[in-house]
Amino acid sequence: MAAFLDTNVLVYAFDRRDERKRATARALLADASAKWTISSQVLSEFFWVVTCKLSPTVPESVAEGAVDLLAAQMNVVAVDAPLVTGAVEVARSHKLALWDAQLLAAAGRANCVTILTEDLGRGEVLAGVTVVDPFRG
């Protein structure tokens, strides 16, 4: 069964500030049996965060290589006009930021029943997707 990964899972695989979260993220990404799904939004956010927000930042060439690898190895849901329109409804009905609602809409489009993230309520079901925090100790 496919699960959707939020940007923070990918970022923690590169973030040296929290070794526990880094190890958890890397273990998830190394699981050859997993069928991970992400969206084009996740790829964009990942590149921006690791090259601009992390300390130390990741070199752009390394981040670009990671984006290419992730895009090749995972199911990537494109953020298009119908997805944004659906996300607006999800945002309204669950009182979420549009960016979080877009992730849920992308997960739903890909028939993912779970999203791995630390940003939404743990265990909640939002727009038919169960929120799982893989970093919760």
N, C-alpha and C. Protein backbone atom coordinates (compact mmCIF):
# COMPACT_ATOMS: atom_id res chain seq x y z
N MET A 1 0.84 -1.19 0.00
CA MET A 1 0.00 0.00 0.00
C MET A 1 0.89 1.25 0.00
N ALA A 2 0.61 2.16 -0.88
CA ALA A 2 1.42 3.37 -1.02
C ALA A 2 1.12 4.36 0.11
N ALA A 3 2.15 5.05 0.51
CA ALA A 3 2.01 6.13 1.50
C ALA A 3 2.66 7.38 0.93
N PHE A 4 2.15 8.51 1.35
CA PHE A 4 2.61 9.81 0.87
C PHE A 4 3.61 10.38 1.86
N LEU A 5 4.72 10.93 1.36
CA LEU A 5 5.72 11.55 2.21
C LEU A 5 5.63 13.07 2.12
N ASP A 6 5.59 13.72 3.27
CA ASP A 6 5.63 15.17 3.31
C ASP A 6 7.09 15.61 3.15
N THR A 7 7.27 16.87 2.82
CA THR A 7 8.60 17.43 2.60
C THR A 7 9.52 17.22 3.79
N ASN A 8 8.99 17.33 5.01
CA ASN A 8 9.86 17.25 6.18
C ASN A 8 10.58 15.92 6.28
N VAL A 9 9.98 14.84 5.80
CA VAL A 9 10.66 13.54 5.83
C VAL A 9 11.90 13.59 4.95
N LEU A 10 11.78 14.16 3.76
CA LEU A 10 12.91 14.25 2.86
C LEU A 10 13.98 15.20 3.39
N VAL A 11 13.56 16.31 3.96
CA VAL A 11 14.50 17.29 4.49
C VAL A 11 15.31 16.69 5.63
N TYR A 12 14.65 15.98 6.53
CA TYR A 12 15.38 15.40 7.67
C TYR A 12 16.45 14.41 7.23
N ALA A 13 16.30 13.81 6.07
CA ALA A 13 17.34 12.90 5.59
C ALA A 13 18.65 13.65 5.31
N PHE A 14 18.57 14.97 5.14
CA PHE A 14 19.74 15.81 4.86
C PHE A 14 20.12 16.72 6.02
N ASP A 15 19.28 16.79 7.03
CA ASP A 15 19.47 17.73 8.13
C ASP A 15 20.36 17.12 9.20
N ARG A 16 21.49 17.74 9.45
CA ARG A 16 22.46 17.22 10.43
C ARG A 16 22.18 17.68 11.86
N ARG A 17 21.17 18.51 12.05
CA ARG A 17 20.90 19.06 13.38
C ARG A 17 20.18 18.10 14.31
N ASP A 18 19.51 17.09 13.79
CA ASP A 18 18.77 16.13 14.63
C ASP A 18 19.07 14.73 14.10
N GLU A 19 20.04 14.08 14.71
CA GLU A 19 20.49 12.77 14.22
C GLU A 19 19.40 11.70 14.32
N ARG A 20 18.54 11.79 15.34
CA ARG A 20 17.46 10.79 15.48
C ARG A 20 16.49 10.91 14.31
N LYS A 21 16.07 12.12 14.00
CA LYS A 21 15.15 12.32 12.89
C LYS A 21 15.83 11.99 11.56
N ARG A 22 17.09 12.32 11.45
CA ARG A 22 17.84 12.01 10.23
C ARG A 22 17.88 10.49 10.01
N ALA A 23 18.17 9.75 11.07
CA ALA A 23 18.23 8.28 10.95
C ALA A 23 16.86 7.71 10.60
N THR A 24 15.81 8.24 11.20
CA THR A 24 14.45 7.77 10.91
C THR A 24 14.12 8.03 9.44
N ALA A 25 14.39 9.23 8.96
CA ALA A 25 14.08 9.59 7.57
C ALA A 25 14.88 8.71 6.61
N ARG A 26 16.14 8.52 6.89
CA ARG A 26 16.98 7.70 6.01
C ARG A 26 16.53 6.25 5.99
N ALA A 27 16.09 5.74 7.14
CA ALA A 27 15.59 4.36 7.18
C ALA A 27 14.31 4.22 6.35
N LEU A 28 13.44 5.20 6.43
CA LEU A 28 12.22 5.17 5.63
C LEU A 28 12.55 5.17 4.14
N LEU A 29 13.45 6.05 3.74
CA LEU A 29 13.80 6.17 2.33
C LEU A 29 14.57 4.96 1.82
N ALA A 30 15.26 4.25 2.71
CA ALA A 30 16.04 3.08 2.31
C ALA A 30 15.18 1.82 2.22
N ASP A 31 13.95 1.88 2.69
CA ASP A 31 13.06 0.70 2.69
C ASP A 31 12.67 0.35 1.25
N ALA A 32 13.32 -0.67 0.72
CA ALA A 32 13.11 -1.05 -0.69
C ALA A 32 11.70 -1.58 -0.95
N SER A 33 11.01 -2.03 0.09
CA SER A 33 9.66 -2.57 -0.10
C SER A 33 8.58 -1.47 -0.11
N ALA A 34 8.97 -0.27 0.32
CA ALA A 34 8.00 0.83 0.40
C ALA A 34 7.72 1.41 -0.98
N LYS A 35 6.48 1.80 -1.17
CA LYS A 35 6.07 2.47 -2.40
C LYS A 35 5.67 3.89 -2.03
N TRP A 36 6.66 4.77 -2.01
CA TRP A 36 6.43 6.14 -1.58
C TRP A 36 5.86 6.98 -2.71
N THR A 37 5.00 7.90 -2.32
CA THR A 37 4.43 8.88 -3.24
C THR A 37 4.74 10.26 -2.69
N ILE A 38 5.07 11.17 -3.59
CA ILE A 38 5.28 12.58 -3.25
C ILE A 38 4.57 13.40 -4.33
N SER A 39 4.63 14.70 -4.20
CA SER A 39 4.06 15.56 -5.24
C SER A 39 5.14 16.49 -5.77
N SER A 40 4.83 17.15 -6.86
CA SER A 40 5.76 18.14 -7.39
C SER A 40 5.96 19.27 -6.37
N GLN A 41 4.96 19.55 -5.57
CA GLN A 41 5.09 20.53 -4.49
C GLN A 41 6.17 20.09 -3.51
N VAL A 42 6.18 18.82 -3.13
CA VAL A 42 7.16 18.30 -2.19
C VAL A 42 8.57 18.44 -2.77
N LEU A 43 8.74 18.11 -4.05
CA LEU A 43 10.05 18.25 -4.67
C LEU A 43 10.53 19.70 -4.64
N SER A 44 9.64 20.63 -4.95
CA SER A 44 9.99 22.06 -4.95
C SER A 44 10.34 22.54 -3.55
N GLU A 45 9.50 22.20 -2.58
CA GLU A 45 9.75 22.61 -1.20
C GLU A 45 11.06 22.01 -0.70
N PHE A 46 11.31 20.75 -1.00
CA PHE A 46 12.54 20.09 -0.58
C PHE A 46 13.76 20.86 -1.08
N PHE A 47 13.79 21.15 -2.37
CA PHE A 47 14.95 21.85 -2.94
C PHE A 47 15.16 23.19 -2.24
N TRP A 48 14.09 23.95 -2.07
CA TRP A 48 14.20 25.27 -1.46
C TRP A 48 14.68 25.17 -0.01
N VAL A 49 14.11 24.27 0.77
CA VAL A 49 14.46 24.17 2.19
C VAL A 49 15.92 23.74 2.36
N VAL A 50 16.35 22.70 1.65
CA VAL A 50 17.72 22.22 1.88
C VAL A 50 18.78 23.18 1.34
N THR A 51 18.44 23.98 0.33
CA THR A 51 19.44 24.91 -0.22
C THR A 51 19.37 26.30 0.41
N CYS A 52 18.27 26.62 1.10
CA CYS A 52 18.12 27.97 1.65
C CYS A 52 17.91 28.03 3.16
N LYS A 53 17.31 27.01 3.74
CA LYS A 53 16.91 27.09 5.14
C LYS A 53 17.77 26.25 6.09
N LEU A 54 18.33 25.15 5.62
CA LEU A 54 19.14 24.31 6.50
C LEU A 54 20.43 25.04 6.86
N SER A 55 20.98 24.66 8.00
CA SER A 55 22.27 25.18 8.40
C SER A 55 23.13 24.00 8.84
N PRO A 56 24.11 23.62 8.09
CA PRO A 56 24.55 24.21 6.83
C PRO A 56 23.61 23.82 5.68
N THR A 57 23.61 24.65 4.66
CA THR A 57 22.79 24.35 3.49
C THR A 57 23.43 23.23 2.68
N VAL A 58 22.62 22.61 1.86
CA VAL A 58 23.07 21.58 0.94
C VAL A 58 23.44 22.28 -0.37
N PRO A 59 24.58 21.94 -0.97
CA PRO A 59 24.92 22.55 -2.26
C PRO A 59 23.81 22.30 -3.29
N GLU A 60 23.56 23.28 -4.13
CA GLU A 60 22.48 23.17 -5.11
C GLU A 60 22.66 21.95 -6.02
N SER A 61 23.88 21.63 -6.38
CA SER A 61 24.11 20.47 -7.25
C SER A 61 23.71 19.17 -6.57
N VAL A 62 23.96 19.07 -5.27
CA VAL A 62 23.58 17.88 -4.51
C VAL A 62 22.06 17.81 -4.38
N ALA A 63 21.44 18.95 -4.08
CA ALA A 63 19.98 19.00 -3.96
C ALA A 63 19.31 18.68 -5.28
N GLU A 64 19.87 19.19 -6.37
CA GLU A 64 19.32 18.89 -7.69
C GLU A 64 19.42 17.40 -7.99
N GLY A 65 20.53 16.79 -7.66
CA GLY A 65 20.69 15.35 -7.84
C GLY A 65 19.68 14.57 -7.01
N ALA A 66 19.42 15.03 -5.79
CA ALA A 66 18.44 14.38 -4.94
C ALA A 66 17.04 14.50 -5.53
N VAL A 67 16.70 15.67 -6.06
CA VAL A 67 15.39 15.86 -6.70
C VAL A 67 15.25 14.91 -7.87
N ASP A 68 16.28 14.80 -8.70
CA ASP A 68 16.24 13.89 -9.85
C ASP A 68 16.03 12.44 -9.39
N LEU A 69 16.76 12.03 -8.36
CA LEU A 69 16.66 10.67 -7.85
C LEU A 69 15.27 10.39 -7.26
N LEU A 70 14.78 11.32 -6.46
CA LEU A 70 13.45 11.16 -5.86
C LEU A 70 12.38 11.07 -6.94
N ALA A 71 12.48 11.94 -7.94
CA ALA A 71 11.49 11.94 -9.03
C ALA A 71 11.53 10.64 -9.80
N ALA A 72 12.69 10.04 -9.93
CA ALA A 72 12.82 8.79 -10.68
C ALA A 72 12.36 7.58 -9.87
N GLN A 73 12.52 7.63 -8.55
CA GLN A 73 12.25 6.46 -7.72
C GLN A 73 10.87 6.44 -7.07
N MET A 74 10.19 7.57 -7.06
CA MET A 74 8.90 7.64 -6.37
C MET A 74 7.80 8.01 -7.35
N ASN A 75 6.59 7.68 -6.96
CA ASN A 75 5.42 8.14 -7.70
C ASN A 75 5.27 9.63 -7.40
N VAL A 76 5.24 10.46 -8.42
CA VAL A 76 5.13 11.91 -8.23
C VAL A 76 3.79 12.38 -8.79
N VAL A 77 3.00 12.99 -7.93
CA VAL A 77 1.71 13.55 -8.32
C VAL A 77 1.93 15.01 -8.71
N ALA A 78 1.50 15.37 -9.91
CA ALA A 78 1.65 16.74 -10.38
C ALA A 78 0.60 17.63 -9.72
N VAL A 79 1.04 18.81 -9.34
CA VAL A 79 0.11 19.80 -8.83
C VAL A 79 -0.40 20.58 -10.04
N ASP A 80 -1.68 20.37 -10.33
CA ASP A 80 -2.31 21.03 -11.46
C ASP A 80 -3.56 21.76 -10.98
N ALA A 81 -4.25 22.41 -11.89
CA ALA A 81 -5.41 23.21 -11.50
C ALA A 81 -6.49 22.39 -10.79
N PRO A 82 -6.87 21.19 -11.27
CA PRO A 82 -7.88 20.43 -10.54
C PRO A 82 -7.43 20.03 -9.12
N LEU A 83 -6.14 19.76 -8.96
CA LEU A 83 -5.66 19.40 -7.62
C LEU A 83 -5.76 20.62 -6.69
N VAL A 84 -5.39 21.79 -7.18
CA VAL A 84 -5.47 23.00 -6.37
C VAL A 84 -6.92 23.30 -6.01
N THR A 85 -7.82 23.15 -6.97
CA THR A 85 -9.24 23.38 -6.70
C THR A 85 -9.74 22.43 -5.62
N GLY A 86 -9.36 21.16 -5.71
CA GLY A 86 -9.74 20.20 -4.67
C GLY A 86 -9.11 20.54 -3.34
N ALA A 87 -7.87 21.04 -3.36
CA ALA A 87 -7.19 21.41 -2.12
C ALA A 87 -7.86 22.59 -1.43
N VAL A 88 -8.40 23.51 -2.22
CA VAL A 88 -9.12 24.65 -1.63
C VAL A 88 -10.30 24.13 -0.80
N GLU A 89 -11.01 23.15 -1.32
CA GLU A 89 -12.13 22.58 -0.57
C GLU A 89 -11.64 21.85 0.68
N VAL A 90 -10.56 21.11 0.56
CA VAL A 90 -9.98 20.41 1.73
C VAL A 90 -9.55 21.44 2.78
N ALA A 91 -8.91 22.52 2.34
CA ALA A 91 -8.46 23.56 3.27
C ALA A 91 -9.64 24.17 4.00
N ARG A 92 -10.70 24.44 3.26
CA ARG A 92 -11.89 25.03 3.88
C ARG A 92 -12.56 24.07 4.86
N SER A 93 -12.74 22.83 4.43
CA SER A 93 -13.49 21.89 5.27
C SER A 93 -12.72 21.46 6.51
N HIS A 94 -11.39 21.47 6.46
CA HIS A 94 -10.59 21.03 7.61
C HIS A 94 -9.84 22.18 8.28
N LYS A 95 -10.08 23.42 7.78
CA LYS A 95 -9.41 24.61 8.33
C LYS A 95 -7.89 24.43 8.35
N LEU A 96 -7.35 24.13 7.17
CA LEU A 96 -5.92 23.91 6.99
C LEU A 96 -5.33 24.98 6.08
N ALA A 97 -4.04 25.15 6.17
CA ALA A 97 -3.33 25.98 5.19
C ALA A 97 -3.45 25.29 3.83
N LEU A 98 -3.51 26.09 2.78
CA LEU A 98 -3.66 25.52 1.44
C LEU A 98 -2.53 24.56 1.11
N TRP A 99 -1.31 24.87 1.55
CA TRP A 99 -0.15 24.02 1.23
C TRP A 99 -0.32 22.63 1.83
N ASP A 100 -0.83 22.54 3.06
CA ASP A 100 -1.08 21.24 3.68
C ASP A 100 -2.23 20.53 2.98
N ALA A 101 -3.25 21.29 2.62
CA ALA A 101 -4.39 20.70 1.92
C ALA A 101 -3.98 20.15 0.56
N GLN A 102 -3.03 20.81 -0.12
CA GLN A 102 -2.54 20.31 -1.40
C GLN A 102 -1.86 18.96 -1.23
N LEU A 103 -1.13 18.79 -0.14
CA LEU A 103 -0.50 17.49 0.12
C LEU A 103 -1.55 16.41 0.30
N LEU A 104 -2.59 16.72 1.06
CA LEU A 104 -3.67 15.74 1.27
C LEU A 104 -4.39 15.44 -0.03
N ALA A 105 -4.64 16.46 -0.84
CA ALA A 105 -5.31 16.25 -2.13
C ALA A 105 -4.44 15.39 -3.05
N ALA A 106 -3.13 15.62 -3.03
CA ALA A 106 -2.22 14.81 -3.85
C ALA A 106 -2.19 13.37 -3.35
N ALA A 107 -2.16 13.20 -2.04
CA ALA A 107 -2.18 11.85 -1.47
C ALA A 107 -3.47 11.13 -1.87
N GLY A 108 -4.58 11.84 -1.79
CA GLY A 108 -5.86 11.25 -2.19
C GLY A 108 -5.88 10.87 -3.66
N ARG A 109 -5.35 11.74 -4.51
CA ARG A 109 -5.31 11.45 -5.94
C ARG A 109 -4.53 10.17 -6.21
N ALA A 110 -3.48 9.94 -5.44
CA ALA A 110 -2.64 8.75 -5.63
C ALA A 110 -3.15 7.54 -4.86
N ASN A 111 -4.33 7.66 -4.25
CA ASN A 111 -4.92 6.57 -3.46
C ASN A 111 -4.07 6.15 -2.28
N CYS A 112 -3.35 7.10 -1.69
CA CYS A 112 -2.59 6.83 -0.48
C CYS A 112 -3.54 6.93 0.71
N VAL A 113 -3.43 6.00 1.62
CA VAL A 113 -4.29 6.03 2.81
C VAL A 113 -3.59 6.67 4.00
N THR A 114 -2.27 6.88 3.88
CA THR A 114 -1.52 7.53 4.95
C THR A 114 -0.60 8.60 4.38
N ILE A 115 -0.33 9.60 5.21
CA ILE A 115 0.69 10.60 4.92
C ILE A 115 1.64 10.64 6.10
N LEU A 116 2.92 10.55 5.83
CA LEU A 116 3.93 10.63 6.87
C LEU A 116 4.40 12.07 6.97
N THR A 117 4.15 12.69 8.11
CA THR A 117 4.48 14.09 8.33
C THR A 117 4.50 14.36 9.82
N GLU A 118 5.25 15.38 10.21
CA GLU A 118 5.19 15.83 11.60
C GLU A 118 4.35 17.09 11.73
N ASP A 119 3.80 17.56 10.63
CA ASP A 119 3.13 18.85 10.62
C ASP A 119 1.62 18.83 10.84
N LEU A 120 0.99 17.72 10.67
CA LEU A 120 -0.47 17.66 10.84
C LEU A 120 -0.76 16.81 12.08
N GLY A 121 -1.97 16.83 12.57
CA GLY A 121 -2.31 16.09 13.79
C GLY A 121 -2.09 14.60 13.67
N ARG A 122 -1.37 14.03 14.60
CA ARG A 122 -1.06 12.60 14.58
C ARG A 122 -2.33 11.77 14.76
N GLY A 123 -2.50 10.78 13.87
CA GLY A 123 -3.62 9.86 13.97
C GLY A 123 -4.92 10.38 13.40
N GLU A 124 -4.97 11.65 13.07
CA GLU A 124 -6.19 12.20 12.49
C GLU A 124 -6.40 11.66 11.08
N VAL A 125 -7.65 11.60 10.67
CA VAL A 125 -7.98 11.29 9.29
C VAL A 125 -8.49 12.57 8.67
N LEU A 126 -7.75 13.07 7.69
CA LEU A 126 -8.09 14.32 7.02
C LEU A 126 -8.26 14.04 5.54
N ALA A 127 -9.42 14.36 5.01
CA ALA A 127 -9.72 14.13 3.59
C ALA A 127 -9.48 12.67 3.21
N GLY A 128 -9.78 11.77 4.13
CA GLY A 128 -9.64 10.34 3.87
C GLY A 128 -8.23 9.80 4.01
N VAL A 129 -7.29 10.62 4.48
CA VAL A 129 -5.89 10.21 4.62
C VAL A 129 -5.51 10.25 6.10
N THR A 130 -4.94 9.16 6.60
CA THR A 130 -4.53 9.09 8.00
C THR A 130 -3.14 9.71 8.16
N VAL A 131 -3.02 10.60 9.14
CA VAL A 131 -1.76 11.29 9.40
C VAL A 131 -0.93 10.47 10.37
N VAL A 132 0.31 10.17 9.98
CA VAL A 132 1.25 9.40 10.79
C VAL A 132 2.50 10.24 10.97
N ASP A 133 2.93 10.43 12.22
CA ASP A 133 4.17 11.15 12.49
C ASP A 133 5.27 10.12 12.73
N PRO A 134 6.17 9.92 11.74
CA PRO A 134 7.20 8.90 11.90
C PRO A 134 8.30 9.30 12.88
N PHE A 135 8.31 10.55 13.32
CA PHE A 135 9.36 11.03 14.21
C PHE A 135 8.95 11.06 15.67
N ARG A 136 7.69 10.78 15.92
CA ARG A 136 7.21 10.80 17.30
C ARG A 136 7.80 9.63 18.05
N GLY A 137 8.48 9.92 19.11
CA GLY A 137 9.28 8.96 19.83
C GLY A 137 8.58 7.97 20.63
